[in-house]
Amino acid sequence: MAEFDFLIIGAGMAGASAGYALASQARVLILEQEDQPGYHTTGRSAALYAETYGNATVRALTTGGKGFYLNPPSGFAAHPLLLPRGVVFIGRADQRASLDAFLEEVSGLRSNIRRIAAAEVETQVPVFRPGYVADAVLDPDAMDIDVHGLHQGYLKGLKARGGQLVTDAQVRGLSRQAGLWQVESKAGRFAARVVVNAAGAWADEIGALAGAAPIGLVPKRRTAIRFRPPAGLDVARWPTIIDADEQFYFRPDAGQILASPADETPMPPCDVQPEDLDIAILVDRLEQVVTLPIPRIESRWAGLRSFVADKTPVVGYDDRIEDFFWLAGQGGYGIQTAPGIAALVEALARHEPVPPELEALGVTEAALSPIRLR
C-alpha cells in the first residue's frame, strides 16, 4: 500500500494548487472522483480576477496571489494567465446606495478604482437602454483568467515535483490506524499522514467519513449562457459588467457574450445542470438592461459554488480530528484566490505561520480556520 505525507481529496483548482505547493517538500497524492480533473466547478468558472470582488479576506487572498499570476514559475504556463479586461459595477438610480457602500469599501485598495459617469459606460458598452445606467464604479485592473492554463499548470507542476494524481478514485472510507489515515477509494487503498479535504461541494460528506463535524457547507447553483452578438458589433474590448446588487453580469468571451443571472440556488452536491427558469430570468433581465437581441443561446451550463455562513473560505486543520485539513468553501472566488490560498495551505498544513506577504494584507489563520464555524 502506497504511503504519502499528504493525500488530497479533489483535483479541482483547490486540490491541484494545494498539491503543487505541498509537493515541493513532501510526498503528495491527489485522488479525484471523476475521470478528469476539474469536471465540476473549476471547469465551469466565469474566470474573473478582480481584487474588488468578495469580502475583505477574499480580496486579500486575491491580491496576495497576484505576483504568481503575473510571474508564474518558468515553464508553468505557455501563455499569460491574466489578460486585461476591467470590470464596471453599474446601477440604476435606485441602486446608488449599493454603489456608495461598495466604493467606500474598496476605494482604499488602489487609487484608480473610481466612480465613472453613465455616459462613459455607454461609450464603452454601447448597448445599454437609454437611461438605465445612472451610476457606475470602474476597477480598470480586473482581468480575465486562463482557468485551463492555470489548472493544467498546477497539475503538470505537481507531477514534475513528484506528486501523483489518480482519477476515477471516489473516496469511500477514511479511518486512522497507527498514526496514519487509511483511505479506501474506488482506485484502491492508500495511507497518508495528513488528509486534505478539497472535495468542493462534497467536502462535508468527506468530513463525515472522517468523523468530523460539518462546517455548514451549502452548494449553490450558478447558471451561465453564451450567445453571439449581432454581426458587426465588436465586443472584444468591453469590460465585464456586474449589477450593483449582483443580479446579473455579462462580458465578452471568445467572440461571444457570456452572461449569468448570478443565481444562488441551494443544491445537494451533484453534477448540476442549468434550469430553463433561470435562463428565462436571465434573458428577461438582460432585455431590461440592453438592446442586445438573443435569438439563439449557443451554450448553457451550471456549476456549484459552495459557501459557509460567512462566505469566507475554510482553510486549516480540524480541531477535533487529528491531521484532517479543510480546504473548502471557496464560493465563487476559488479561481482568483487559488495562488494565495495555495501559499497559505503550504504554510498551515506544515504548522507554519501565515506567510508574511499574506499577513501584511490582513490574512489571519483564525479568519479561515474551521474552528470559527463551531
Protein backbone atom coordinates (compact mmCIF):
# COMPACT_ATOMS: atom_id res chain seq x y z
CA MET A 1 0.00 0.00 0.00
CA ALA A 2 1.42 3.37 -1.06
CA GLU A 3 2.05 5.87 1.77
CA PHE A 4 2.13 9.67 1.43
CA ASP A 5 2.70 12.75 3.54
CA PHE A 6 -0.41 14.49 2.18
CA LEU A 7 -3.38 12.87 0.49
CA ILE A 8 -5.64 15.46 -1.14
CA ILE A 9 -9.22 14.60 -1.97
CA GLY A 10 -10.32 16.53 -5.05
CA ALA A 11 -8.34 17.65 -8.12
CA GLY A 12 -10.21 20.85 -8.90
CA MET A 13 -8.41 24.17 -8.64
CA ALA A 14 -8.19 24.00 -4.84
CA GLY A 15 -6.74 20.49 -4.70
CA ALA A 16 -4.45 20.94 -7.68
CA SER A 17 -2.97 24.20 -6.40
CA ALA A 18 -2.51 22.81 -2.89
CA GLY A 19 -0.91 19.66 -4.26
CA TYR A 20 1.50 21.67 -6.36
CA ALA A 21 2.52 23.79 -3.37
CA LEU A 22 2.93 20.90 -0.94
CA ALA A 23 4.78 18.64 -3.40
CA SER A 24 7.83 20.89 -3.31
CA GLN A 25 8.84 19.30 0.00
CA ALA A 26 6.56 16.31 0.56
CA ARG A 27 5.08 13.15 -0.94
CA VAL A 28 1.66 14.13 -2.30
CA LEU A 29 -1.21 12.17 -3.81
CA ILE A 30 -4.43 13.67 -5.20
CA LEU A 31 -7.50 11.45 -5.54
CA GLU A 32 -10.22 12.66 -7.93
CA GLN A 33 -13.66 11.02 -8.04
CA GLU A 34 -14.25 11.89 -11.71
CA ASP A 35 -12.30 10.53 -14.67
CA GLN A 36 -10.95 14.01 -15.41
CA PRO A 37 -9.80 16.77 -13.02
CA GLY A 38 -11.80 19.99 -12.83
CA TYR A 39 -15.01 18.50 -14.22
CA HIS A 40 -17.30 20.30 -11.79
CA THR A 41 -16.85 23.87 -10.52
CA THR A 42 -13.34 24.55 -11.86
CA GLY A 43 -14.34 23.77 -15.43
CA ARG A 44 -17.44 25.98 -15.23
CA SER A 45 -15.94 29.19 -13.84
CA ALA A 46 -16.57 32.67 -15.22
CA ALA A 47 -12.81 33.29 -14.89
CA LEU A 48 -12.65 36.82 -13.46
CA TYR A 49 -9.70 38.16 -11.48
CA ALA A 50 -10.86 41.19 -9.50
CA GLU A 51 -9.27 42.47 -6.32
CA THR A 52 -12.55 44.28 -5.61
CA TYR A 53 -14.65 41.08 -5.63
CA GLY A 54 -15.53 39.35 -2.36
CA ASN A 55 -15.17 40.20 1.31
CA ALA A 56 -12.00 41.60 2.89
CA THR A 57 -10.32 38.23 3.40
CA VAL A 58 -11.15 37.08 -0.13
CA ARG A 59 -9.79 40.35 -1.54
CA ALA A 60 -6.58 39.97 0.45
CA LEU A 61 -6.07 36.40 -0.78
CA THR A 62 -6.71 37.56 -4.34
CA THR A 63 -4.15 40.35 -4.08
CA GLY A 64 -1.71 38.03 -2.34
CA GLY A 65 -1.66 35.71 -5.35
CA LYS A 66 -1.26 38.42 -7.98
CA GLY A 67 2.51 38.05 -8.21
CA PHE A 68 2.15 34.36 -9.05
CA TYR A 69 -0.42 35.15 -11.73
CA LEU A 70 1.74 37.81 -13.36
CA ASN A 71 5.06 35.96 -13.00
CA PRO A 72 4.45 32.22 -12.69
CA PRO A 73 7.43 29.86 -12.39
CA SER A 74 9.33 29.14 -15.58
CA GLY A 75 7.50 26.58 -17.71
CA PHE A 76 4.32 26.75 -15.65
CA ALA A 77 2.16 28.11 -18.48
CA ALA A 78 2.59 28.60 -22.22
CA HIS A 79 0.57 31.82 -22.24
CA PRO A 80 -0.15 34.69 -19.80
CA LEU A 81 -2.52 33.62 -17.04
CA LEU A 82 -4.17 37.06 -16.86
CA LEU A 83 -5.33 39.31 -19.70
CA PRO A 84 -6.60 42.91 -19.33
CA ARG A 85 -10.36 43.33 -19.13
CA GLY A 86 -11.56 45.76 -16.48
CA VAL A 87 -14.85 45.49 -14.62
CA VAL A 88 -17.62 48.06 -14.26
CA PHE A 89 -20.20 47.78 -11.49
CA ILE A 90 -23.36 49.51 -12.72
CA GLY A 91 -26.50 50.70 -11.01
CA ARG A 92 -29.85 52.28 -11.67
CA ALA A 93 -30.78 55.45 -9.79
CA ASP A 94 -32.34 53.35 -7.02
CA GLN A 95 -29.09 51.39 -6.62
CA ARG A 96 -26.83 54.34 -5.82
CA ALA A 97 -26.70 53.39 -2.14
CA SER A 98 -25.30 49.97 -3.07
CA LEU A 99 -22.58 51.55 -5.20
CA ASP A 100 -21.82 54.11 -2.48
CA ALA A 101 -21.26 51.31 0.05
CA PHE A 102 -19.20 49.28 -2.40
CA LEU A 103 -16.96 52.21 -3.34
CA GLU A 104 -16.40 53.10 0.30
CA GLU A 105 -15.34 49.52 0.99
CA VAL A 106 -12.86 49.15 -1.88
CA SER A 107 -11.60 52.65 -2.65
CA GLY A 108 -8.61 52.22 -0.35
CA LEU A 109 -7.29 49.27 -2.35
CA ARG A 110 -5.98 51.34 -5.27
CA SER A 111 -6.25 54.96 -6.37
CA ASN A 112 -7.60 54.06 -9.83
CA ILE A 113 -10.81 52.47 -8.52
CA ARG A 114 -13.26 55.28 -9.18
CA ARG A 115 -16.77 56.37 -9.97
CA ILE A 116 -17.44 57.00 -13.64
CA ALA A 117 -20.29 58.72 -15.43
CA ALA A 118 -23.06 56.80 -17.12
CA ALA A 119 -22.01 58.33 -20.44
CA GLU A 120 -18.56 56.75 -20.13
CA VAL A 121 -20.10 53.33 -19.53
CA GLU A 122 -22.40 53.75 -22.51
CA THR A 123 -19.43 54.71 -24.69
CA GLN A 124 -17.51 51.58 -23.70
CA VAL A 125 -20.55 49.29 -23.99
CA PRO A 126 -22.92 50.94 -26.47
CA VAL A 127 -25.91 48.63 -25.97
CA PHE A 128 -27.48 49.88 -22.74
CA ARG A 129 -31.06 51.05 -22.90
CA PRO A 130 -31.24 54.84 -22.62
CA GLY A 131 -31.37 55.97 -19.00
CA TYR A 132 -30.80 52.55 -17.45
CA VAL A 133 -27.31 53.23 -16.10
CA ALA A 134 -27.37 56.04 -13.57
CA ASP A 135 -24.11 55.36 -11.74
CA ALA A 136 -21.04 53.16 -12.08
CA VAL A 137 -17.75 52.20 -10.45
CA LEU A 138 -14.74 51.16 -12.53
CA ASP A 139 -11.99 48.75 -11.50
CA PRO A 140 -9.66 49.03 -14.50
CA ASP A 141 -7.23 46.37 -13.23
CA ALA A 142 -9.66 43.45 -13.25
CA MET A 143 -8.58 40.74 -15.68
CA ASP A 144 -9.64 37.55 -17.43
CA ILE A 145 -8.10 34.35 -16.06
CA ASP A 146 -6.90 31.49 -18.24
CA VAL A 147 -8.54 28.90 -15.97
CA HIS A 148 -7.50 25.92 -18.07
CA GLY A 149 -3.90 27.13 -18.28
CA LEU A 150 -3.75 27.72 -14.54
CA HIS A 151 -5.29 24.37 -13.64
CA GLN A 152 -3.10 22.43 -16.05
CA GLY A 153 -0.03 24.29 -14.85
CA TYR A 154 -0.71 23.16 -11.31
CA LEU A 155 -1.30 19.55 -12.35
CA LYS A 156 1.81 19.41 -14.55
CA GLY A 157 3.84 21.08 -11.82
CA LEU A 158 2.54 18.58 -9.26
CA LYS A 159 3.81 15.68 -11.37
CA ALA A 160 7.12 17.41 -12.10
CA ARG A 161 7.66 17.70 -8.34
CA GLY A 162 7.00 14.00 -7.85
CA GLY A 163 3.35 14.26 -6.84
CA GLN A 164 0.76 11.82 -8.12
CA LEU A 165 -2.82 12.13 -9.41
CA VAL A 166 -5.27 9.24 -9.53
CA THR A 167 -8.63 9.79 -11.25
CA ASP A 168 -11.84 7.77 -11.08
CA ALA A 169 -10.96 7.31 -7.41
CA GLN A 170 -14.04 8.19 -5.38
CA VAL A 171 -13.23 8.02 -1.66
CA ARG A 172 -15.42 5.52 0.20
CA GLY A 173 -13.87 5.34 3.63
CA LEU A 174 -11.47 7.15 5.98
CA SER A 175 -10.01 5.71 9.17
CA ARG A 176 -6.97 6.17 11.43
CA GLN A 177 -4.52 3.36 12.13
CA ALA A 178 -1.11 3.65 13.79
CA GLY A 179 -0.98 7.40 13.29
CA LEU A 180 -1.87 7.29 9.60
CA TRP A 181 -5.03 7.87 7.60
CA GLN A 182 -6.22 4.79 5.73
CA VAL A 183 -8.14 5.91 2.64
CA GLU A 184 -10.40 3.46 0.87
CA SER A 185 -11.19 4.53 -2.69
CA LYS A 186 -12.56 3.13 -5.92
CA ALA A 187 -8.97 3.04 -7.18
CA GLY A 188 -7.58 1.20 -4.18
CA ARG A 189 -6.32 1.80 -0.67
CA PHE A 190 -3.79 4.46 0.31
CA ALA A 191 -2.18 5.69 3.53
CA ALA A 192 -1.17 9.22 4.43
CA ARG A 193 -0.06 11.24 7.42
CA VAL A 194 -2.48 14.10 6.55
CA VAL A 195 -5.74 14.17 4.59
CA VAL A 196 -6.58 17.44 2.84
CA ASN A 197 -10.30 17.78 2.16
CA ALA A 198 -10.55 19.72 -1.12
CA ALA A 199 -13.70 17.94 -2.30
CA GLY A 200 -15.64 21.07 -3.28
CA ALA A 201 -19.40 20.64 -2.88
CA TRP A 202 -18.76 17.19 -1.36
CA ALA A 203 -16.45 18.48 1.41
CA ASP A 204 -18.93 17.99 4.26
CA GLU A 205 -19.59 14.45 3.03
CA ILE A 206 -15.86 13.70 3.09
CA GLY A 207 -15.69 15.28 6.53
CA ALA A 208 -18.40 12.91 7.72
CA LEU A 209 -16.38 9.91 6.50
CA ALA A 210 -13.54 11.11 8.73
CA GLY A 211 -15.86 11.66 11.70
CA ALA A 212 -15.61 15.45 11.51
CA ALA A 213 -18.48 17.78 12.35
CA PRO A 214 -19.89 19.58 9.28
CA ILE A 215 -18.76 23.11 8.52
CA GLY A 216 -22.22 24.02 7.20
CA LEU A 217 -21.25 23.97 3.55
CA VAL A 218 -24.06 24.98 1.17
CA PRO A 219 -23.52 24.32 -2.56
CA LYS A 220 -25.38 26.86 -4.68
CA ARG A 221 -26.21 26.62 -8.37
CA ARG A 222 -24.86 29.33 -10.69
CA THR A 223 -26.13 29.41 -14.28
CA ALA A 224 -24.42 30.84 -17.36
CA ILE A 225 -25.03 31.10 -21.09
CA ARG A 226 -23.15 32.22 -24.19
CA PHE A 227 -24.72 33.93 -27.17
CA ARG A 228 -23.41 35.68 -30.25
CA PRO A 229 -23.55 39.48 -30.58
CA PRO A 230 -25.13 40.98 -33.70
CA ALA A 231 -22.96 40.95 -36.81
CA GLY A 232 -20.67 43.95 -36.94
CA LEU A 233 -20.72 44.64 -33.20
CA ASP A 234 -17.19 44.35 -31.81
CA VAL A 235 -17.40 43.31 -28.15
CA ALA A 236 -13.78 42.25 -27.66
CA ARG A 237 -12.76 45.33 -25.65
CA TRP A 238 -15.84 45.55 -23.46
CA PRO A 239 -15.25 45.35 -19.72
CA THR A 240 -17.07 42.85 -17.56
CA ILE A 241 -20.36 44.39 -16.43
CA ILE A 242 -21.73 43.49 -12.99
CA ASP A 243 -25.00 44.72 -11.50
CA ALA A 244 -24.59 46.69 -8.25
CA ASP A 245 -26.69 44.13 -6.37
CA GLU A 246 -25.25 41.22 -8.38
CA GLN A 247 -28.50 40.37 -10.13
CA PHE A 248 -26.65 39.69 -13.39
CA TYR A 249 -23.30 40.03 -15.12
CA PHE A 250 -22.04 39.77 -18.67
CA ARG A 251 -18.74 40.02 -20.51
CA PRO A 252 -17.04 39.11 -23.79
CA ASP A 253 -15.90 35.52 -24.14
CA ALA A 254 -14.10 34.20 -27.23
CA GLY A 255 -16.10 36.37 -29.64
CA GLN A 256 -19.38 35.69 -27.88
CA ILE A 257 -21.05 37.15 -24.78
CA LEU A 258 -21.12 35.21 -21.53
CA ALA A 259 -23.95 36.14 -19.17
CA SER A 260 -25.38 34.94 -15.87
CA PRO A 261 -28.34 35.81 -13.65
CA ALA A 262 -25.94 35.41 -10.69
CA ASP A 263 -28.33 32.86 -9.20
CA GLU A 264 -27.50 31.18 -5.89
CA THR A 265 -29.94 28.29 -5.53
CA PRO A 266 -29.05 25.83 -2.73
CA MET A 267 -28.48 22.34 -4.11
CA PRO A 268 -27.19 18.99 -2.88
CA PRO A 269 -23.77 18.03 -4.26
CA CYS A 270 -24.34 16.77 -7.80
CA ASP A 271 -23.45 17.12 -11.46
CA VAL A 272 -25.62 20.22 -11.63
CA GLN A 273 -27.36 21.26 -14.85
CA PRO A 274 -28.96 24.59 -15.83
CA GLU A 275 -32.67 25.13 -15.29
CA ASP A 276 -34.87 26.65 -18.00
CA LEU A 277 -36.40 29.04 -15.45
CA ASP A 278 -33.02 30.54 -14.54
CA ILE A 279 -32.19 31.07 -18.18
CA ALA A 280 -35.57 32.71 -18.79
CA ILE A 281 -34.95 35.01 -15.80
CA LEU A 282 -31.55 35.96 -17.21
CA VAL A 283 -32.91 36.74 -20.67
CA ASP A 284 -35.67 38.87 -19.12
CA ARG A 285 -33.17 40.82 -17.02
CA LEU A 286 -30.87 41.40 -19.97
CA GLU A 287 -33.75 42.63 -22.12
CA GLN A 288 -34.47 45.29 -19.49
CA VAL A 289 -30.83 46.42 -19.46
CA VAL A 290 -29.50 46.20 -23.02
CA THR A 291 -30.76 46.26 -26.57
CA LEU A 292 -28.86 43.10 -27.50
CA PRO A 293 -31.06 40.50 -29.20
CA ILE A 294 -30.61 36.91 -28.02
CA PRO A 295 -32.05 34.93 -30.94
CA ARG A 296 -30.13 31.81 -30.01
CA ILE A 297 -28.25 30.59 -26.96
CA GLU A 298 -25.07 28.92 -28.18
CA SER A 299 -24.30 27.10 -24.92
CA ARG A 300 -25.62 26.86 -21.39
CA TRP A 301 -24.27 25.32 -18.21
CA ALA A 302 -24.36 25.50 -14.43
CA GLY A 303 -21.84 25.00 -11.66
CA LEU A 304 -21.90 24.72 -7.88
CA ARG A 305 -20.37 27.49 -5.77
CA SER A 306 -20.05 26.26 -2.18
CA PHE A 307 -20.27 28.65 0.77
CA VAL A 308 -20.16 28.54 4.54
CA ALA A 309 -22.11 31.08 6.59
CA ASP A 310 -19.62 33.97 6.40
CA LYS A 311 -18.70 33.39 2.72
CA THR A 312 -15.02 33.10 3.63
CA PRO A 313 -13.01 30.03 2.57
CA VAL A 314 -12.26 27.34 5.14
CA VAL A 315 -8.54 26.59 5.33
CA GLY A 316 -6.97 24.81 8.27
CA TYR A 317 -6.80 21.75 10.49
CA ASP A 318 -9.89 20.40 12.20
CA ASP A 319 -9.58 20.93 15.95
CA ARG A 320 -11.15 17.57 16.82
CA ILE A 321 -9.96 15.18 14.09
CA GLU A 322 -6.22 14.65 14.04
CA ASP A 323 -4.36 15.56 10.82
CA PHE A 324 -7.56 16.34 8.91
CA PHE A 325 -7.15 19.57 6.95
CA TRP A 326 -10.09 21.50 5.46
CA LEU A 327 -9.76 23.29 2.12
CA ALA A 328 -13.33 24.18 1.21
CA GLY A 329 -15.99 26.87 0.91
CA GLN A 330 -14.27 28.97 -1.77
CA GLY A 331 -17.65 30.06 -3.14
CA GLY A 332 -17.27 31.98 -6.38
CA TYR A 333 -13.75 33.09 -5.54
CA GLY A 334 -11.78 29.85 -5.76
CA ILE A 335 -10.06 30.58 -9.06
CA GLN A 336 -8.96 34.14 -8.36
CA THR A 337 -7.71 33.22 -4.86
CA ALA A 338 -6.01 29.95 -5.88
CA PRO A 339 -2.36 31.13 -5.76
CA GLY A 340 -2.90 32.98 -2.48
CA ILE A 341 -4.69 30.06 -0.84
CA ALA A 342 -2.07 27.59 -2.14
CA ALA A 343 0.64 29.59 -0.37
CA LEU A 344 -1.49 29.62 2.78
CA VAL A 345 -2.09 25.86 2.62
CA GLU A 346 1.61 25.20 2.15
CA ALA A 347 2.32 27.06 5.40
CA LEU A 348 -0.61 25.99 7.59
CA ALA A 349 -0.50 22.33 6.58
CA ARG A 350 3.11 22.27 7.79
CA HIS A 351 2.14 24.03 11.03
CA GLU A 352 3.93 27.19 9.98
CA PRO A 353 2.61 30.76 10.37
CA VAL A 354 0.71 32.66 7.70
CA PRO A 355 3.21 33.76 5.01
CA PRO A 356 4.41 37.34 5.68
CA GLU A 357 3.14 38.64 2.32
CA LEU A 358 -0.38 37.46 3.19
CA GLU A 359 -0.18 38.57 6.80
CA ALA A 360 0.74 42.07 5.61
CA LEU A 361 -2.54 42.14 3.68
CA GLY A 362 -4.55 41.23 6.78
CA VAL A 363 -4.92 37.47 6.27
CA THR A 364 -5.12 35.63 9.60
CA GLU A 365 -5.25 31.94 10.43
CA ALA A 366 -8.29 32.50 12.67
CA ALA A 367 -10.35 34.12 9.88
CA LEU A 368 -10.07 30.98 7.74
CA SER A 369 -9.91 28.22 10.36
CA PRO A 370 -12.80 25.73 10.56
CA ILE A 371 -12.79 26.37 14.31
CA ARG A 372 -14.53 29.72 13.72
CA LEU A 373 -17.60 27.84 12.49
CA ARG A 374 -18.21 25.88 15.70
